[in-house]
Protein backbone atom coordinates (compact mmCIF):
# COMPACT_ATOMS: atom_id res chain seq x y z
CA MET A 1 5.44 160.62 104.26
CA ALA A 2 7.38 157.89 102.97
CA ARG A 3 9.94 157.94 100.20
CA ALA A 4 9.12 156.58 97.09
CA ARG A 5 10.67 152.99 96.69
CA ILE A 6 14.07 152.89 94.21
CA ASP A 7 13.39 150.55 91.17
CA ASP A 8 15.93 147.47 91.82
CA GLY A 9 17.32 147.95 87.93
CA ALA A 10 18.21 151.59 88.85
CA GLY A 11 19.40 150.77 92.13
CA ARG A 12 21.51 147.50 91.45
CA ALA A 13 22.82 149.81 88.52
CA ALA A 14 24.54 152.38 90.42
CA VAL A 15 25.80 149.93 93.15
CA ARG A 16 27.67 148.50 90.12
CA ALA A 17 28.78 151.99 88.99
CA PHE A 18 29.97 152.61 92.47
CA ALA A 19 31.77 149.09 92.22
CA ALA A 20 33.59 150.11 88.89
CA GLU A 21 34.29 153.96 89.67
CA GLN A 22 34.59 153.79 93.37
CA ALA A 23 36.40 157.15 94.49
CA ALA A 24 35.48 158.83 90.86
CA ALA A 25 31.76 157.56 91.45
CA SER A 26 29.87 160.73 91.39
CA ARG A 27 28.09 161.85 94.30
CA ASP A 28 24.59 161.07 92.72
CA ILE A 29 25.93 158.00 91.84
CA ARG A 30 26.98 157.05 95.72
CA ALA A 31 23.69 158.71 96.87
CA LEU A 32 21.74 156.21 94.85
CA ALA A 33 23.45 153.20 95.73
CA VAL A 34 23.51 154.27 99.21
CA ARG A 35 19.94 154.53 99.69
CA TYR A 36 18.96 151.58 97.73
CA THR A 37 21.31 149.28 99.51
CA LEU A 38 19.47 150.96 102.68
CA GLN A 39 16.26 150.18 101.31
CA LEU A 40 16.90 146.47 100.68
CA LEU A 41 18.12 146.25 104.32
CA ALA A 42 15.32 147.74 105.69
CA GLU A 43 12.94 145.38 103.71
CA GLN A 44 14.90 141.95 104.47
CA ALA A 45 15.40 142.95 107.93
CA ALA A 46 12.29 144.76 109.32
CA GLY A 47 11.92 146.25 112.54
CA ASN A 48 13.02 149.33 114.46
CA THR A 49 15.45 148.28 116.93
CA LEU A 50 18.69 149.64 115.24
CA GLU A 51 19.41 152.58 113.35
CA VAL A 52 21.50 152.62 110.65
CA ARG A 53 23.40 156.03 109.48
CA VAL A 54 25.10 156.58 106.37
CA PRO A 55 25.83 160.54 106.41
CA PRO A 56 25.09 162.87 104.43
CA PHE A 57 22.70 159.90 102.22
CA GLY A 58 20.44 158.35 104.80
CA ALA A 59 19.52 156.42 107.71
CA VAL A 60 16.92 153.49 108.32
CA GLN A 61 15.53 151.30 110.86
CA CYS A 62 15.68 148.02 110.99
CA ILE A 63 16.15 144.56 112.92
CA ALA A 64 13.08 143.52 114.58
CA GLY A 65 12.86 143.78 118.41
CA PRO A 66 12.15 146.71 121.26
CA ARG A 67 10.80 150.12 119.12
CA HIS A 68 12.74 153.20 119.86
CA THR A 69 10.74 156.24 119.38
CA ARG A 70 12.20 159.40 120.90
CA GLY A 71 15.73 160.63 121.28
CA THR A 72 19.20 159.55 120.66
CA PRO A 73 18.65 155.32 119.89
CA PRO A 74 20.41 152.89 122.12
CA ASN A 75 21.39 150.66 118.97
CA VAL A 76 22.94 152.69 116.49
CA VAL A 77 25.38 152.01 113.34
CA GLU A 78 27.43 155.04 111.67
CA THR A 79 29.66 154.44 108.54
CA ASP A 80 30.65 156.56 105.47
CA ALA A 81 29.39 155.72 102.29
CA ALA A 82 32.52 153.65 100.85
CA THR A 83 32.40 151.79 103.81
CA TRP A 84 28.58 150.77 103.80
CA LEU A 85 29.11 149.84 100.29
CA ALA A 86 31.86 147.33 100.95
CA LEU A 87 30.12 145.93 103.66
CA VAL A 88 26.62 145.24 101.33
CA THR A 89 28.69 143.84 98.30
CA GLY A 90 30.58 141.80 100.45
CA THR A 91 34.23 143.69 99.48
CA LEU A 92 34.72 144.26 103.19
CA ALA A 93 33.37 141.52 106.00
CA TRP A 94 31.74 143.18 109.05
CA PRO A 95 34.20 142.07 111.85
CA ASP A 96 37.13 143.56 109.70
CA GLY A 97 35.07 147.07 109.55
CA LEU A 98 34.81 147.11 113.49
CA ALA A 99 38.26 146.00 113.96
CA THR A 100 39.54 149.07 111.70
CA GLY A 101 37.29 151.52 113.02
CA ARG A 102 35.45 151.96 109.95
CA ILE A 103 32.06 151.47 111.68
CA HIS A 104 31.21 152.93 114.46
CA ALA A 105 28.38 150.54 116.32
CA SER A 106 26.95 150.90 119.56
CA GLY A 107 24.17 149.31 121.42
CA SER A 108 23.64 145.45 122.28
CA ARG A 109 21.85 144.91 119.00
CA ALA A 110 24.15 147.09 116.86
CA ASP A 111 25.08 144.09 114.89
CA LEU A 112 24.49 143.66 110.94
CA ALA A 113 26.68 140.31 110.62
CA ALA A 114 23.99 138.31 110.00
CA HIS A 115 22.50 140.39 107.24
CA LEU A 116 25.70 141.37 105.23
CA PRO A 117 26.40 140.90 102.09
CA LEU A 118 23.04 142.34 100.85
CA LEU A 119 23.76 142.06 96.92
């Protein structure tokens, strides 16, 4: 069963609240902001080639190309919530996140540079 779509107003408000509060943002705010931005990524870069994980809040498949259906995906990006939200808002550049180890990317299609920032 598909998850209900997060309303744009509520999602953007959560992202703004996280940006203003950062470490002091509640878990609920972080969760909503992450889930909303993952939803945006999946809509804007539709596909099933890359799995983007932001534990413990969510994961999506995106990017057009070969579909992955079973086992460990060959193309994975994983990061924490603060790093993910920095990437989608443009306060952290993709190459900088990779260079500092804040982003774990594996696979030949595990590059989101062309799709970030989202907001």
